[in-house]
Amino acid sequence: MMTYDVGLVLAHELNSDKSLSEQTRKRTELGERLFYEGKIKNLIMSGGHGDLGECYGVSLARQMKNHAVLEGIPEENVFEEDISFETVGQLLFSKIGLIDPNKWKNILIISNDYHVPRIRKIAEIVFDDSYNINFAEVESKLKPDSGSMKKETERLQKFIQTFRGVKKGDNHLLLERLLERHDLYAPLSEEFRKRLNALIERNKHS
């Protein structure tokens, strides 16, 4: 049985009271269960919006980490990617800020089943062939014609357009394309760059 270096848990949303939304909670709980089953050695909780974007006042990553620690997972095994606004940023910031500095190569990405096909396509560009990438899914029971499924298709097409021609696994080019062309990151590109550098520095000293 494969034991993964890290489980990358992708956040969805927080509720108005800053508690984990149902999707975020179930993804977090799946990560916790896989940790306790010995299938993953560490967890990355991925999701920002602390004082940017939706302005929850706290990052999704922090609330997810709090949940995991309360469930008894050692704090030193739970890492926070607290910068990203959406899926591409979650994968890329986690890779540059946490996965590569820790030399983790076996990665299990955790999200809802409807989300995984798009994540898989993104991961094929963000990670090169030196990584072993797999997926763990939370069942959602969404119908193929649901609004969420249609949004997944639209977002995948936008990802393909934005990152066309970028060599897979090239952190520099991927980051530049994200910060220059992605609607959510380009307006505050220097702020995101600064926060990513801070994440890298924090990880060096953790």
C-alpha atoms as a PDB file:
ATOM      1  CA  MET A   1       0.000   0.000   0.000  1.00  0.00           C
ATOM      2  CA  MET A   2       1.332   3.411  -0.974  1.00  0.00           C
ATOM      3  CA  THR A   3       2.043   5.785   1.881  1.00  0.00           C
ATOM      4  CA  TYR A   4       1.949   9.338   0.558  1.00  0.00           C
ATOM      5  CA  ASP A   5       4.314  12.039   1.743  1.00  0.00           C
ATOM      6  CA  VAL A   6       1.442  14.474   2.041  1.00  0.00           C
ATOM      7  CA  GLY A   7      -2.291  14.799   1.552  1.00  0.00           C
ATOM      8  CA  LEU A   8      -3.216  18.101  -0.103  1.00  0.00           C
ATOM      9  CA  VAL A   9      -6.719  19.033   1.087  1.00  0.00           C
ATOM     10  CA  LEU A  10      -8.378  21.642  -1.123  1.00  0.00           C
ATOM     11  CA  ALA A  11     -10.756  23.999   0.666  1.00  0.00           C
ATOM     12  CA  HIS A  12     -14.144  24.998  -0.696  1.00  0.00           C
ATOM     13  CA  GLU A  13     -15.739  27.681   1.520  1.00  0.00           C
ATOM     14  CA  LEU A  14     -16.407  28.802   5.079  1.00  0.00           C
ATOM     15  CA  ASN A  15     -19.838  29.465   6.518  1.00  0.00           C
ATOM     16  CA  SER A  16     -20.850  32.961   7.637  1.00  0.00           C
ATOM     17  CA  ASP A  17     -19.812  32.087  11.206  1.00  0.00           C
ATOM     18  CA  LYS A  18     -16.332  31.083   9.900  1.00  0.00           C
ATOM     19  CA  SER A  19     -16.952  27.383  10.493  1.00  0.00           C
ATOM     20  CA  LEU A  20     -16.089  24.929   7.729  1.00  0.00           C
ATOM     21  CA  SER A  21     -18.729  24.550   5.039  1.00  0.00           C
ATOM     22  CA  GLU A  22     -20.023  21.026   4.518  1.00  0.00           C
ATOM     23  CA  GLN A  23     -17.765  20.371   1.542  1.00  0.00           C
ATOM     24  CA  THR A  24     -14.693  21.795   3.253  1.00  0.00           C
ATOM     25  CA  ARG A  25     -15.437  19.824   6.424  1.00  0.00           C
ATOM     26  CA  LYS A  26     -15.875  16.529   4.599  1.00  0.00           C
ATOM     27  CA  ARG A  27     -12.664  17.016   2.640  1.00  0.00           C
ATOM     28  CA  THR A  28     -10.844  17.855   5.867  1.00  0.00           C
ATOM     29  CA  GLU A  29     -12.286  14.833   7.637  1.00  0.00           C
ATOM     30  CA  LEU A  30     -11.222  12.552   4.784  1.00  0.00           C
ATOM     31  CA  GLY A  31      -7.682  13.883   5.108  1.00  0.00           C
ATOM     32  CA  GLU A  32      -7.757  13.288   8.853  1.00  0.00           C
ATOM     33  CA  ARG A  33      -8.995   9.731   8.414  1.00  0.00           C
ATOM     34  CA  LEU A  34      -6.319   8.910   5.851  1.00  0.00           C
ATOM     35  CA  PHE A  35      -3.675  10.305   8.198  1.00  0.00           C
ATOM     36  CA  TYR A  36      -4.867   8.088  11.038  1.00  0.00           C
ATOM     37  CA  GLU A  37      -4.981   5.095   8.701  1.00  0.00           C
ATOM     38  CA  GLY A  38      -1.305   5.675   7.931  1.00  0.00           C
ATOM     39  CA  LYS A  39      -1.895   6.414   4.251  1.00  0.00           C
ATOM     40  CA  ILE A  40      -0.457   9.933   4.414  1.00  0.00           C
ATOM     41  CA  LYS A  41       2.375  11.279   6.568  1.00  0.00           C
ATOM     42  CA  ASN A  42       1.420  14.967   6.524  1.00  0.00           C
ATOM     43  CA  LEU A  43      -1.441  17.258   5.575  1.00  0.00           C
ATOM     44  CA  ILE A  44      -1.495  20.526   3.658  1.00  0.00           C
ATOM     45  CA  MET A  45      -4.643  22.527   4.269  1.00  0.00           C
ATOM     46  CA  SER A  46      -5.015  24.738   1.215  1.00  0.00           C
ATOM     47  CA  GLY A  47      -7.126  27.882   0.943  1.00  0.00           C
ATOM     48  CA  GLY A  48      -6.722  31.602   1.565  1.00  0.00           C
ATOM     49  CA  HIS A  49      -9.298  34.430   1.728  1.00  0.00           C
ATOM     50  CA  GLY A  50      -8.040  35.500   5.161  1.00  0.00           C
ATOM     51  CA  ASP A  51      -7.973  39.242   4.477  1.00  0.00           C
ATOM     52  CA  LEU A  52      -8.330  39.259   0.697  1.00  0.00           C
ATOM     53  CA  GLY A  53     -11.101  38.181  -1.632  1.00  0.00           C
ATOM     54  CA  GLU A  54     -14.120  37.077   0.372  1.00  0.00           C
ATOM     55  CA  CYS A  55     -12.550  38.513   3.551  1.00  0.00           C
ATOM     56  CA  TYR A  56     -13.564  35.852   6.039  1.00  0.00           C
ATOM     57  CA  GLY A  57     -11.108  37.434   8.461  1.00  0.00           C
ATOM     58  CA  VAL A  58      -9.376  34.073   8.783  1.00  0.00           C
ATOM     59  CA  SER A  59      -7.963  31.777   6.108  1.00  0.00           C
ATOM     60  CA  LEU A  60      -9.688  28.553   5.155  1.00  0.00           C
ATOM     61  CA  ALA A  61      -6.355  26.806   5.724  1.00  0.00           C
ATOM     62  CA  ARG A  62      -6.215  27.994   9.341  1.00  0.00           C
ATOM     63  CA  GLN A  63      -9.754  26.836  10.100  1.00  0.00           C
ATOM     64  CA  MET A  64      -9.048  23.461   8.507  1.00  0.00           C
ATOM     65  CA  LYS A  65      -5.838  23.094  10.492  1.00  0.00           C
ATOM     66  CA  ASN A  66      -7.691  24.003  13.692  1.00  0.00           C
ATOM     67  CA  HIS A  67     -10.185  21.229  12.940  1.00  0.00           C
ATOM     68  CA  ALA A  68      -7.405  18.693  12.379  1.00  0.00           C
ATOM     69  CA  VAL A  69      -5.523  19.635  15.530  1.00  0.00           C
ATOM     70  CA  LEU A  70      -8.711  19.383  17.580  1.00  0.00           C
ATOM     71  CA  GLU A  71      -9.098  15.875  16.164  1.00  0.00           C
ATOM     72  CA  GLY A  72      -5.699  14.998  17.601  1.00  0.00           C
ATOM     73  CA  ILE A  73      -3.442  15.292  14.573  1.00  0.00           C
ATOM     74  CA  PRO A  74      -0.023  16.669  15.643  1.00  0.00           C
ATOM     75  CA  GLU A  75       0.339  20.321  14.703  1.00  0.00           C
ATOM     76  CA  GLU A  76       3.779  19.696  13.199  1.00  0.00           C
ATOM     77  CA  ASN A  77       2.177  17.401  10.613  1.00  0.00           C
ATOM     78  CA  VAL A  78      -0.357  19.979   9.404  1.00  0.00           C
ATOM     79  CA  PHE A  79       0.814  22.708   7.021  1.00  0.00           C
ATOM     80  CA  GLU A  80      -1.082  25.768   5.781  1.00  0.00           C
ATOM     81  CA  GLU A  81      -1.211  27.149   2.257  1.00  0.00           C
ATOM     82  CA  ASP A  82      -3.151  30.286   3.106  1.00  0.00           C
ATOM     83  CA  ILE A  83      -2.695  32.363  -0.058  1.00  0.00           C
ATOM     84  CA  SER A  84      -4.836  30.896  -2.843  1.00  0.00           C
ATOM     85  CA  PHE A  85      -8.263  31.973  -4.055  1.00  0.00           C
ATOM     86  CA  GLU A  86      -9.093  28.932  -6.194  1.00  0.00           C
ATOM     87  CA  THR A  87      -7.928  25.539  -7.463  1.00  0.00           C
ATOM     88  CA  VAL A  88      -5.001  26.495  -9.709  1.00  0.00           C
ATOM     89  CA  GLY A  89      -3.538  28.679  -6.984  1.00  0.00           C
ATOM     90  CA  GLN A  90      -4.069  25.938  -4.412  1.00  0.00           C
ATOM     91  CA  LEU A  91      -2.000  23.451  -6.396  1.00  0.00           C
ATOM     92  CA  LEU A  92       0.701  25.865  -7.536  1.00  0.00           C
ATOM     93  CA  PHE A  93       1.220  27.741  -4.250  1.00  0.00           C
ATOM     94  CA  SER A  94       1.234  24.451  -2.328  1.00  0.00           C
ATOM     95  CA  LYS A  95       3.830  23.023  -4.711  1.00  0.00           C
ATOM     96  CA  ILE A  96       6.158  26.028  -4.676  1.00  0.00           C
ATOM     97  CA  GLY A  97       5.699  26.946  -1.022  1.00  0.00           C
ATOM     98  CA  LEU A  98       5.511  23.559   0.684  1.00  0.00           C
ATOM     99  CA  ILE A  99       5.815  20.467  -1.500  1.00  0.00           C
ATOM    100  CA  ASP A 100       9.060  21.290  -3.296  1.00  0.00           C
ATOM    101  CA  PRO A 101      10.920  22.703  -0.256  1.00  0.00           C
ATOM    102  CA  ASN A 102      10.070  19.513   1.660  1.00  0.00           C
ATOM    103  CA  LYS A 103      11.074  17.338  -1.325  1.00  0.00           C
ATOM    104  CA  TRP A 104       7.723  15.532  -1.208  1.00  0.00           C
ATOM    105  CA  LYS A 105       7.126  13.505  -4.369  1.00  0.00           C
ATOM    106  CA  ASN A 106       4.167  11.251  -3.500  1.00  0.00           C
ATOM    107  CA  ILE A 107       1.119  13.492  -3.287  1.00  0.00           C
ATOM    108  CA  LEU A 108      -2.521  12.602  -2.581  1.00  0.00           C
ATOM    109  CA  ILE A 109      -4.924  15.397  -3.549  1.00  0.00           C
ATOM    110  CA  ILE A 110      -8.203  15.412  -1.611  1.00  0.00           C
ATOM    111  CA  SER A 111     -11.437  17.028  -2.821  1.00  0.00           C
ATOM    112  CA  ASN A 112     -14.980  16.245  -3.955  1.00  0.00           C
ATOM    113  CA  ASP A 113     -15.570  13.765  -6.766  1.00  0.00           C
ATOM    114  CA  TYR A 114     -17.041  16.367  -9.148  1.00  0.00           C
ATOM    115  CA  HIS A 115     -13.904  18.506  -8.681  1.00  0.00           C
ATOM    116  CA  VAL A 116     -11.321  15.782  -9.368  1.00  0.00           C
ATOM    117  CA  PRO A 117     -11.509  15.679 -13.217  1.00  0.00           C
ATOM    118  CA  ARG A 118     -10.543  19.370 -13.386  1.00  0.00           C
ATOM    119  CA  ILE A 119      -7.886  18.987 -10.673  1.00  0.00           C
ATOM    120  CA  ARG A 120      -6.392  16.091 -12.600  1.00  0.00           C
ATOM    121  CA  LYS A 121      -5.963  18.277 -15.706  1.00  0.00           C
ATOM    122  CA  ILE A 122      -4.453  21.102 -13.653  1.00  0.00           C
ATOM    123  CA  ALA A 123      -2.089  18.697 -11.860  1.00  0.00           C
ATOM    124  CA  GLU A 124      -0.853  17.387 -15.216  1.00  0.00           C
ATOM    125  CA  ILE A 125       0.513  20.885 -15.909  1.00  0.00           C
ATOM    126  CA  VAL A 126       1.588  21.936 -12.411  1.00  0.00           C
ATOM    127  CA  PHE A 127       3.512  18.713 -11.670  1.00  0.00           C
ATOM    128  CA  ASP A 128       5.995  17.022 -13.982  1.00  0.00           C
ATOM    129  CA  ASP A 129       6.588  13.284 -14.304  1.00  0.00           C
ATOM    130  CA  SER A 130       8.930  13.137 -11.292  1.00  0.00           C
ATOM    131  CA  TYR A 131       5.881  13.335  -8.983  1.00  0.00           C
ATOM    132  CA  ASN A 132       3.434  10.568  -8.156  1.00  0.00           C
ATOM    133  CA  ILE A 133       0.008  12.228  -7.982  1.00  0.00           C
ATOM    134  CA  ASN A 134      -3.165  10.477  -6.913  1.00  0.00           C
ATOM    135  CA  PHE A 135      -6.612  11.530  -5.726  1.00  0.00           C
ATOM    136  CA  ALA A 136      -9.020  10.787  -2.885  1.00  0.00           C
ATOM    137  CA  GLU A 137     -12.637  11.806  -3.392  1.00  0.00           C
ATOM    138  CA  VAL A 138     -15.545  12.853  -1.209  1.00  0.00           C
ATOM    139  CA  GLU A 139     -18.819  11.723  -2.771  1.00  0.00           C
ATOM    140  CA  SER A 140     -21.127  14.582  -3.746  1.00  0.00           C
ATOM    141  CA  LYS A 141     -23.955  12.922  -5.739  1.00  0.00           C
ATOM    142  CA  LEU A 142     -24.132  15.840  -8.163  1.00  0.00           C
ATOM    143  CA  LYS A 143     -26.029  15.279 -11.415  1.00  0.00           C
ATOM    144  CA  PRO A 144     -24.115  15.752 -14.703  1.00  0.00           C
ATOM    145  CA  ASP A 145     -26.294  18.723 -15.675  1.00  0.00           C
ATOM    146  CA  SER A 146     -26.013  20.512 -12.318  1.00  0.00           C
ATOM    147  CA  GLY A 147     -24.773  24.087 -12.072  1.00  0.00           C
ATOM    148  CA  SER A 148     -21.603  23.005 -10.276  1.00  0.00           C
ATOM    149  CA  MET A 149     -20.710  20.556 -13.033  1.00  0.00           C
ATOM    150  CA  LYS A 150     -21.237  23.220 -15.693  1.00  0.00           C
ATOM    151  CA  LYS A 151     -18.972  25.607 -13.768  1.00  0.00           C
ATOM    152  CA  GLU A 152     -16.285  22.919 -13.611  1.00  0.00           C
ATOM    153  CA  THR A 153     -16.348  22.605 -17.399  1.00  0.00           C
ATOM    154  CA  GLU A 154     -16.191  26.382 -17.876  1.00  0.00           C
ATOM    155  CA  ARG A 155     -13.318  26.767 -15.424  1.00  0.00           C
ATOM    156  CA  LEU A 156     -11.358  23.954 -17.028  1.00  0.00           C
ATOM    157  CA  GLN A 157     -11.653  25.611 -20.427  1.00  0.00           C
ATOM    158  CA  LYS A 158     -10.439  28.892 -18.954  1.00  0.00           C
ATOM    159  CA  PHE A 159      -7.486  27.111 -17.337  1.00  0.00           C
ATOM    160  CA  ILE A 160      -6.530  25.534 -20.659  1.00  0.00           C
ATOM    161  CA  GLN A 161      -6.675  28.930 -22.391  1.00  0.00           C
ATOM    162  CA  THR A 162      -4.674  30.709 -19.683  1.00  0.00           C
ATOM    163  CA  PHE A 163      -1.874  28.134 -19.428  1.00  0.00           C
ATOM    164  CA  ARG A 164      -1.644  26.993 -23.065  1.00  0.00           C
ATOM    165  CA  GLY A 165       1.970  26.491 -24.112  1.00  0.00           C
ATOM    166  CA  VAL A 166       3.462  26.473 -20.593  1.00  0.00           C
ATOM    167  CA  LYS A 167       5.894  23.628 -19.980  1.00  0.00           C
ATOM    168  CA  LYS A 168       4.531  21.354 -17.288  1.00  0.00           C
ATOM    169  CA  GLY A 169       6.227  21.535 -13.924  1.00  0.00           C
ATOM    170  CA  ASP A 170       7.967  24.849 -14.683  1.00  0.00           C
ATOM    171  CA  ASN A 171       7.311  26.744 -11.463  1.00  0.00           C
ATOM    172  CA  HIS A 172       8.590  30.071 -12.754  1.00  0.00           C
ATOM    173  CA  LEU A 173       6.522  30.125 -15.938  1.00  0.00           C
ATOM    174  CA  LEU A 174       3.433  28.736 -14.219  1.00  0.00           C
ATOM    175  CA  LEU A 175       3.618  31.396 -11.515  1.00  0.00           C
ATOM    176  CA  GLU A 176       4.178  34.210 -13.986  1.00  0.00           C
ATOM    177  CA  ARG A 177       1.235  33.086 -16.100  1.00  0.00           C
ATOM    178  CA  LEU A 178      -0.992  32.835 -13.010  1.00  0.00           C
ATOM    179  CA  LEU A 179      -0.058  36.265 -11.675  1.00  0.00           C
ATOM    180  CA  GLU A 180      -0.165  37.996 -15.046  1.00  0.00           C
ATOM    181  CA  ARG A 181      -3.287  36.509 -16.649  1.00  0.00           C
ATOM    182  CA  HIS A 182      -5.576  35.044 -14.008  1.00  0.00           C
ATOM    183  CA  ASP A 183      -8.437  37.424 -13.186  1.00  0.00           C
ATOM    184  CA  LEU A 184      -8.250  36.751  -9.436  1.00  0.00           C
ATOM    185  CA  TYR A 185      -4.488  37.157  -9.023  1.00  0.00           C
ATOM    186  CA  ALA A 186      -3.343  39.692 -11.632  1.00  0.00           C
ATOM    187  CA  PRO A 187      -4.801  42.792  -9.896  1.00  0.00           C
ATOM    188  CA  LEU A 188      -2.782  42.023  -6.742  1.00  0.00           C
ATOM    189  CA  SER A 189       0.100  40.120  -8.295  1.00  0.00           C
ATOM    190  CA  GLU A 190       2.832  41.688  -6.158  1.00  0.00           C
ATOM    191  CA  GLU A 191       0.887  40.984  -2.972  1.00  0.00           C
ATOM    192  CA  PHE A 192       0.517  37.325  -3.917  1.00  0.00           C
ATOM    193  CA  ARG A 193       4.193  37.124  -4.829  1.00  0.00           C
ATOM    194  CA  LYS A 194       5.124  38.596  -1.439  1.00  0.00           C
ATOM    195  CA  ARG A 195       2.874  36.161   0.417  1.00  0.00           C
ATOM    196  CA  LEU A 196       4.264  33.191  -1.474  1.00  0.00           C
ATOM    197  CA  ASN A 197       7.814  34.239  -0.615  1.00  0.00           C
ATOM    198  CA  ALA A 198       6.768  34.550   3.033  1.00  0.00           C
ATOM    199  CA  LEU A 199       5.294  31.022   2.916  1.00  0.00           C
ATOM    200  CA  ILE A 200       8.563  29.669   1.512  1.00  0.00           C
ATOM    201  CA  GLU A 201      10.542  31.425   4.252  1.00  0.00           C
ATOM    202  CA  ARG A 202       8.223  30.165   7.008  1.00  0.00           C
ATOM    203  CA  ASN A 203       8.600  26.648   5.720  1.00  0.00           C
ATOM    204  CA  LYS A 204      12.400  26.906   5.765  1.00  0.00           C
ATOM    205  CA  HIS A 205      12.297  27.566   9.488  1.00  0.00           C
ATOM    206  CA  SER A 206       9.478  25.195  10.459  1.00  0.00           C
END
